[in-house]
PDB file of N, CA and C in Angstrom:
ATOM      1  N   UNK A   1      85.224 135.143 161.748  1.00  0.00           N
ATOM      2  CA  UNK A   1      85.300 134.441 162.980  1.00  0.00           C
ATOM      3  C   UNK A   1      83.887 134.048 163.376  1.00  0.00           C
ATOM      4  N   UNK A   2      83.687 132.784 163.739  1.00  0.00           N
ATOM      5  CA  UNK A   2      82.366 132.325 164.167  1.00  0.00           C
ATOM      6  C   UNK A   2      82.184 132.679 165.638  1.00  0.00           C
ATOM      7  N   UNK A   3      81.112 133.408 165.924  1.00  0.00           N
ATOM      8  CA  UNK A   3      80.829 133.825 167.290  1.00  0.00           C
ATOM      9  C   UNK A   3      80.097 132.759 168.070  1.00  0.00           C
ATOM     10  N   UNK A   4      79.905 132.980 169.362  1.00  0.00           N
ATOM     11  CA  UNK A   4      79.196 132.017 170.199  1.00  0.00           C
ATOM     12  C   UNK A   4      77.737 131.834 169.801  1.00  0.00           C
ATOM     13  N   UNK A   5      77.217 132.755 168.986  1.00  0.00           N
ATOM     14  CA  UNK A   5      75.837 132.660 168.512  1.00  0.00           C
ATOM     15  C   UNK A   5      75.724 131.895 167.196  1.00  0.00           C
ATOM     16  N   UNK A   6      76.867 131.407 166.656  1.00  0.00           N
ATOM     17  CA  UNK A   6      76.866 130.647 165.412  1.00  0.00           C
ATOM     18  C   UNK A   6      76.935 131.504 164.156  1.00  0.00           C
ATOM     19  N   UNK A   7      76.936 132.820 164.305  1.00  0.00           N
ATOM     20  CA  UNK A   7      77.029 133.728 163.164  1.00  0.00           C
ATOM     21  C   UNK A   7      78.486 134.080 162.882  1.00  0.00           C
ATOM     22  N   UNK A   8      78.739 134.561 161.672  1.00  0.00           N
ATOM     23  CA  UNK A   8      80.068 135.008 161.289  1.00  0.00           C
ATOM     24  C   UNK A   8      80.190 136.493 161.633  1.00  0.00           C
ATOM     25  N   UNK A   9      81.223 136.842 162.393  1.00  0.00           N
ATOM     26  CA  UNK A   9      81.484 138.227 162.806  1.00  0.00           C
ATOM     27  C   UNK A   9      82.764 138.689 162.153  1.00  0.00           C
ATOM     28  N   UNK A  10      82.808 139.955 161.745  1.00  0.00           N
ATOM     29  CA  UNK A  10      83.977 140.477 161.050  1.00  0.00           C
ATOM     30  C   UNK A  10      84.121 141.973 161.323  1.00  0.00           C
ATOM     31  N   UNK A  11      85.314 142.482 161.099  1.00  0.00           N
ATOM     32  CA  UNK A  11      85.557 143.911 161.262  1.00  0.00           C
ATOM     33  C   UNK A  11      85.421 144.595 159.915  1.00  0.00           C
ATOM     34  N   UNK A  12      84.949 145.827 159.938  1.00  0.00           N
ATOM     35  CA  UNK A  12      84.894 146.667 158.754  1.00  0.00           C
ATOM     36  C   UNK A  12      85.851 147.828 159.011  1.00  0.00           C
ATOM     37  N   UNK A  13      87.095 147.588 158.676  1.00  0.00           N
ATOM     38  CA  UNK A  13      88.185 148.482 159.048  1.00  0.00           C
ATOM     39  C   UNK A  13      87.937 149.936 158.669  1.00  0.00           C
ATOM     40  N   UNK A  14      87.606 150.202 157.437  1.00  0.00           N
ATOM     41  CA  UNK A  14      87.502 151.595 156.985  1.00  0.00           C
ATOM     42  C   UNK A  14      86.131 152.210 157.266  1.00  0.00           C
ATOM     43  N   UNK A  15      85.193 151.424 157.721  1.00  0.00           N
ATOM     44  CA  UNK A  15      83.861 151.941 158.063  1.00  0.00           C
ATOM     45  C   UNK A  15      83.690 152.102 159.573  1.00  0.00           C
ATOM     46  N   UNK A  16      84.697 151.702 160.366  1.00  0.00           N
ATOM     47  CA  UNK A  16      84.629 151.756 161.836  1.00  0.00           C
ATOM     48  C   UNK A  16      83.394 151.036 162.359  1.00  0.00           C
ATOM     49  N   UNK A  17      83.193 149.808 161.865  1.00  0.00           N
ATOM     50  CA  UNK A  17      82.046 149.007 162.269  1.00  0.00           C
ATOM     51  C   UNK A  17      82.451 147.552 162.484  1.00  0.00           C
ATOM     52  N   UNK A  18      81.600 146.856 163.225  1.00  0.00           N
ATOM     53  CA  UNK A  18      81.691 145.408 163.356  1.00  0.00           C
ATOM     54  C   UNK A  18      80.496 144.853 162.604  1.00  0.00           C
ATOM     55  N   UNK A  19      80.721 143.813 161.821  1.00  0.00           N
ATOM     56  CA  UNK A  19      79.641 143.234 161.032  1.00  0.00           C
ATOM     57  C   UNK A  19      79.314 141.820 161.467  1.00  0.00           C
ATOM     58  N   UNK A  20      78.063 141.436 161.193  1.00  0.00           N
ATOM     59  CA  UNK A  20      77.607 140.070 161.481  1.00  0.00           C
ATOM     60  C   UNK A  20      76.837 139.574 160.266  1.00  0.00           C
ATOM     61  N   UNK A  21      77.121 138.341 159.871  1.00  0.00           N
ATOM     62  CA  UNK A  21      76.355 137.719 158.797  1.00  0.00           C
ATOM     63  C   UNK A  21      75.820 136.392 159.321  1.00  0.00           C
ATOM     64  N   UNK A  22      74.519 136.187 159.151  1.00  0.00           N
ATOM     65  CA  UNK A  22      73.873 134.973 159.633  1.00  0.00           C
ATOM     66  C   UNK A  22      74.036 133.846 158.620  1.00  0.00           C
ATOM     67  N   UNK A  23      73.654 132.643 159.019  1.00  0.00           N
ATOM     68  CA  UNK A  23      73.759 131.510 158.103  1.00  0.00           C
ATOM     69  C   UNK A  23      72.790 131.643 156.931  1.00  0.00           C
ATOM     70  N   UNK A  24      71.784 132.524 157.062  1.00  0.00           N
ATOM     71  CA  UNK A  24      70.853 132.771 155.958  1.00  0.00           C
ATOM     72  C   UNK A  24      71.313 133.914 155.066  1.00  0.00           C
ATOM     73  N   UNK A  25      72.454 134.558 155.419  1.00  0.00           N
ATOM     74  CA  UNK A  25      73.011 135.609 154.588  1.00  0.00           C
ATOM     75  C   UNK A  25      72.606 137.025 154.959  1.00  0.00           C
ATOM     76  N   UNK A  26      71.904 137.205 156.063  1.00  0.00           N
ATOM     77  CA  UNK A  26      71.502 138.549 156.503  1.00  0.00           C
ATOM     78  C   UNK A  26      72.685 139.253 157.165  1.00  0.00           C
ATOM     79  N   UNK A  27      73.023 140.445 156.679  1.00  0.00           N
ATOM     80  CA  UNK A  27      74.151 141.209 157.204  1.00  0.00           C
ATOM     81  C   UNK A  27      73.639 142.352 158.075  1.00  0.00           C
ATOM     82  N   UNK A  28      74.243 142.504 159.255  1.00  0.00           N
ATOM     83  CA  UNK A  28      73.956 143.622 160.154  1.00  0.00           C
ATOM     84  C   UNK A  28      75.278 144.280 160.499  1.00  0.00           C
ATOM     85  N   UNK A  29      75.280 145.618 160.518  1.00  0.00           N
ATOM     86  CA  UNK A  29      76.487 146.365 160.850  1.00  0.00           C
ATOM     87  C   UNK A  29      76.267 147.134 162.152  1.00  0.00           C
ATOM     88  N   UNK A  30      77.288 147.140 162.999  1.00  0.00           N
ATOM     89  CA  UNK A  30      77.232 147.813 164.287  1.00  0.00           C
ATOM     90  C   UNK A  30      78.323 148.875 164.338  1.00  0.00           C
ATOM     91  N   UNK A  31      77.944 150.155 164.249  1.00  0.00           N
ATOM     92  CA  UNK A  31      78.953 151.218 164.331  1.00  0.00           C
ATOM     93  C   UNK A  31      79.642 151.215 165.692  1.00  0.00           C
ATOM     94  N   UNK A  32      80.931 151.498 165.680  1.00  0.00           N
ATOM     95  CA  UNK A  32      81.685 151.586 166.927  1.00  0.00           C
ATOM     96  C   UNK A  32      81.563 153.015 167.439  1.00  0.00           C
ATOM     97  N   UNK A  33      81.076 153.182 168.672  1.00  0.00           N
ATOM     98  CA  UNK A  33      81.004 154.544 169.217  1.00  0.00           C
ATOM     99  C   UNK A  33      82.399 155.148 169.313  1.00  0.00           C
ATOM    100  N   UNK A  34      82.527 156.378 168.885  1.00  0.00           N
ATOM    101  CA  UNK A  34      83.834 157.035 168.899  1.00  0.00           C
ATOM    102  C   UNK A  34      83.764 158.251 169.812  1.00  0.00           C
ATOM    103  N   UNK A  35      84.048 158.036 171.077  1.00  0.00           N
ATOM    104  CA  UNK A  35      83.983 159.120 172.059  1.00  0.00           C
ATOM    105  C   UNK A  35      85.289 159.905 172.140  1.00  0.00           C
ATOM    106  N   UNK A  36      86.360 159.367 171.562  1.00  0.00           N
ATOM    107  CA  UNK A  36      87.664 160.028 171.655  1.00  0.00           C
ATOM    108  C   UNK A  36      87.978 160.891 170.442  1.00  0.00           C
ATOM    109  N   UNK A  37      87.282 160.639 169.336  1.00  0.00           N
ATOM    110  CA  UNK A  37      87.580 161.363 168.107  1.00  0.00           C
ATOM    111  C   UNK A  37      88.771 160.792 167.348  1.00  0.00           C
ATOM    112  N   UNK A  38      89.377 159.736 167.883  1.00  0.00           N
ATOM    113  CA  UNK A  38      90.527 159.104 167.235  1.00  0.00           C
ATOM    114  C   UNK A  38      90.066 158.274 166.039  1.00  0.00           C
ATOM    115  N   UNK A  39      90.968 158.041 165.106  1.00  0.00           N
ATOM    116  CA  UNK A  39      90.691 157.140 163.994  1.00  0.00           C
ATOM    117  C   UNK A  39      90.699 155.723 164.552  1.00  0.00           C
ATOM    118  N   UNK A  40      89.607 154.975 164.406  1.00  0.00           N
ATOM    119  CA  UNK A  40      89.471 153.684 165.081  1.00  0.00           C
ATOM    120  C   UNK A  40      90.023 152.522 164.256  1.00  0.00           C
ATOM    121  N   UNK A  41      89.448 152.246 163.138  1.00  0.00           N
ATOM    122  CA  UNK A  41      89.816 151.141 162.259  1.00  0.00           C
ATOM    123  C   UNK A  41      89.964 149.808 162.982  1.00  0.00           C
ATOM    124  N   UNK A  42      88.832 149.130 163.279  1.00  0.00           N
ATOM    125  CA  UNK A  42      88.915 147.804 163.893  1.00  0.00           C
ATOM    126  C   UNK A  42      89.571 146.819 162.927  1.00  0.00           C
ATOM    127  N   UNK A  43      90.460 145.979 163.461  1.00  0.00           N
ATOM    128  CA  UNK A  43      91.203 145.078 162.585  1.00  0.00           C
ATOM    129  C   UNK A  43      90.958 143.612 162.929  1.00  0.00           C
ATOM    130  N   UNK A  44      91.286 143.200 164.124  1.00  0.00           N
ATOM    131  CA  UNK A  44      91.169 141.789 164.518  1.00  0.00           C
ATOM    132  C   UNK A  44      90.008 141.616 165.468  1.00  0.00           C
ATOM    133  N   UNK A  45      89.369 140.441 165.410  1.00  0.00           N
ATOM    134  CA  UNK A  45      88.249 140.143 166.302  1.00  0.00           C
ATOM    135  C   UNK A  45      88.377 138.702 166.770  1.00  0.00           C
ATOM    136  N   UNK A  46      88.027 138.467 168.023  1.00  0.00           N
ATOM    137  CA  UNK A  46      88.125 137.119 168.591  1.00  0.00           C
ATOM    138  C   UNK A  46      87.034 136.915 169.638  1.00  0.00           C
ATOM    139  N   UNK A  47      86.738 135.661 169.905  1.00  0.00           N
ATOM    140  CA  UNK A  47      85.745 135.320 170.928  1.00  0.00           C
ATOM    141  C   UNK A  47      86.327 135.501 172.317  1.00  0.00           C
ATOM    142  N   UNK A  48      85.457 135.896 173.214  1.00  0.00           N
ATOM    143  CA  UNK A  48      85.805 135.980 174.617  1.00  0.00           C
ATOM    144  C   UNK A  48      84.859 135.087 175.403  1.00  0.00           C
ATOM    145  N   UNK A  49      84.879 135.182 176.722  1.00  0.00           N
ATOM    146  CA  UNK A  49      83.973 134.367 177.518  1.00  0.00           C
ATOM    147  C   UNK A  49      82.515 134.790 177.332  1.00  0.00           C
ATOM    148  N   UNK A  50      81.611 133.838 177.467  1.00  0.00           N
ATOM    149  CA  UNK A  50      80.187 134.132 177.341  1.00  0.00           C
ATOM    150  C   UNK A  50      79.836 134.591 175.939  1.00  0.00           C
ATOM    151  N   UNK A  51      79.118 135.693 175.841  1.00  0.00           N
ATOM    152  CA  UNK A  51      78.678 136.213 174.540  1.00  0.00           C
ATOM    153  C   UNK A  51      79.549 137.364 174.050  1.00  0.00           C
ATOM    154  N   UNK A  52      80.722 137.528 174.635  1.00  0.00           N
ATOM    155  CA  UNK A  52      81.584 138.674 174.292  1.00  0.00           C
ATOM    156  C   UNK A  52      82.476 138.395 173.087  1.00  0.00           C
ATOM    157  N   UNK A  53      82.668 139.429 172.276  1.00  0.00           N
ATOM    158  CA  UNK A  53      83.661 139.444 171.204  1.00  0.00           C
ATOM    159  C   UNK A  53      84.557 140.644 171.470  1.00  0.00           C
ATOM    160  N   UNK A  54      85.847 140.460 171.293  1.00  0.00           N
ATOM    161  CA  UNK A  54      86.817 141.533 171.531  1.00  0.00           C
ATOM    162  C   UNK A  54      87.498 141.864 170.217  1.00  0.00           C
ATOM    163  N   UNK A  55      87.762 143.156 169.985  1.00  0.00           N
ATOM    164  CA  UNK A  55      88.407 143.569 168.746  1.00  0.00           C
ATOM    165  C   UNK A  55      89.434 144.663 169.029  1.00  0.00           C
ATOM    166  N   UNK A  56      90.429 144.745 168.149  1.00  0.00           N
ATOM    167  CA  UNK A  56      91.455 145.780 168.282  1.00  0.00           C
ATOM    168  C   UNK A  56      91.089 146.967 167.408  1.00  0.00           C
ATOM    169  N   UNK A  57      91.452 148.141 167.881  1.00  0.00           N
ATOM    170  CA  UNK A  57      91.270 149.370 167.108  1.00  0.00           C
ATOM    171  C   UNK A  57      92.665 149.872 166.753  1.00  0.00           C
ATOM    172  N   UNK A  58      93.021 149.719 165.494  1.00  0.00           N
ATOM    173  CA  UNK A  58      94.386 149.902 165.022  1.00  0.00           C
ATOM    174  C   UNK A  58      94.999 151.243 165.406  1.00  0.00           C
ATOM    175  N   UNK A  59      94.411 152.334 165.007  1.00  0.00           N
ATOM    176  CA  UNK A  59      95.027 153.641 165.219  1.00  0.00           C
ATOM    177  C   UNK A  59      94.691 154.266 166.563  1.00  0.00           C
ATOM    178  N   UNK A  60      93.616 153.828 167.196  1.00  0.00           N
ATOM    179  CA  UNK A  60      93.250 154.372 168.502  1.00  0.00           C
ATOM    180  C   UNK A  60      94.065 153.721 169.611  1.00  0.00           C
ATOM    181  N   UNK A  61      94.696 152.583 169.317  1.00  0.00           N
ATOM    182  CA  UNK A  61      95.482 151.881 170.330  1.00  0.00           C
ATOM    183  C   UNK A  61      94.620 151.357 171.458  1.00  0.00           C
ATOM    184  N   UNK A  62      93.398 150.918 171.133  1.00  0.00           N
ATOM    185  CA  UNK A  62      92.463 150.456 172.153  1.00  0.00           C
ATOM    186  C   UNK A  62      91.900 149.100 171.779  1.00  0.00           C
ATOM    187  N   UNK A  63      91.258 148.485 172.754  1.00  0.00           N
ATOM    188  CA  UNK A  63      90.546 147.219 172.570  1.00  0.00           C
ATOM    189  C   UNK A  63      89.062 147.530 172.770  1.00  0.00           C
ATOM    190  N   UNK A  64      88.207 146.943 171.923  1.00  0.00           N
ATOM    191  CA  UNK A  64      86.773 147.137 172.054  1.00  0.00           C
ATOM    192  C   UNK A  64      86.077 145.824 172.339  1.00  0.00           C
ATOM    193  N   UNK A  65      84.852 145.927 172.827  1.00  0.00           N
ATOM    194  CA  UNK A  65      84.054 144.736 173.151  1.00  0.00           C
ATOM    195  C   UNK A  65      82.641 144.923 172.606  1.00  0.00           C
ATOM    196  N   UNK A  66      82.090 143.836 172.061  1.00  0.00           N
ATOM    197  CA  UNK A  66      80.706 143.802 171.616  1.00  0.00           C
ATOM    198  C   UNK A  66      80.141 142.460 172.066  1.00  0.00           C
ATOM    199  N   UNK A  67      78.868 142.421 172.408  1.00  0.00           N
ATOM    200  CA  UNK A  67      78.260 141.149 172.807  1.00  0.00           C
ATOM    201  C   UNK A  67      77.330 140.666 171.697  1.00  0.00           C
ATOM    202  N   UNK A  68      77.131 139.371 171.655  1.00  0.00           N
ATOM    203  CA  UNK A  68      76.316 138.779 170.598  1.00  0.00           C
ATOM    204  C   UNK A  68      74.852 138.698 170.975  1.00  0.00           C
ATOM    205  N   UNK A  69      74.487 139.165 172.130  1.00  0.00           N
ATOM    206  CA  UNK A  69      73.069 139.115 172.564  1.00  0.00           C
ATOM    207  C   UNK A  69      72.403 140.434 172.396  1.00  0.00           C
TER     208      UNK A  69
END
């Protein structure tokens, strides 16, 4: 999914991370904080208003948010 910053954003389901790849090919991974101890497994990601990206956490039954700034 292309984010508002022009980079490609993706979920890393089994690593419990959100990833970003730039147009130059640089990959950055952002671990999802796990305060509940539940199995997270982010699956879907979509753009929100402003610089927000929203993602689902499959087994935790929650929605997460990350910003592109």
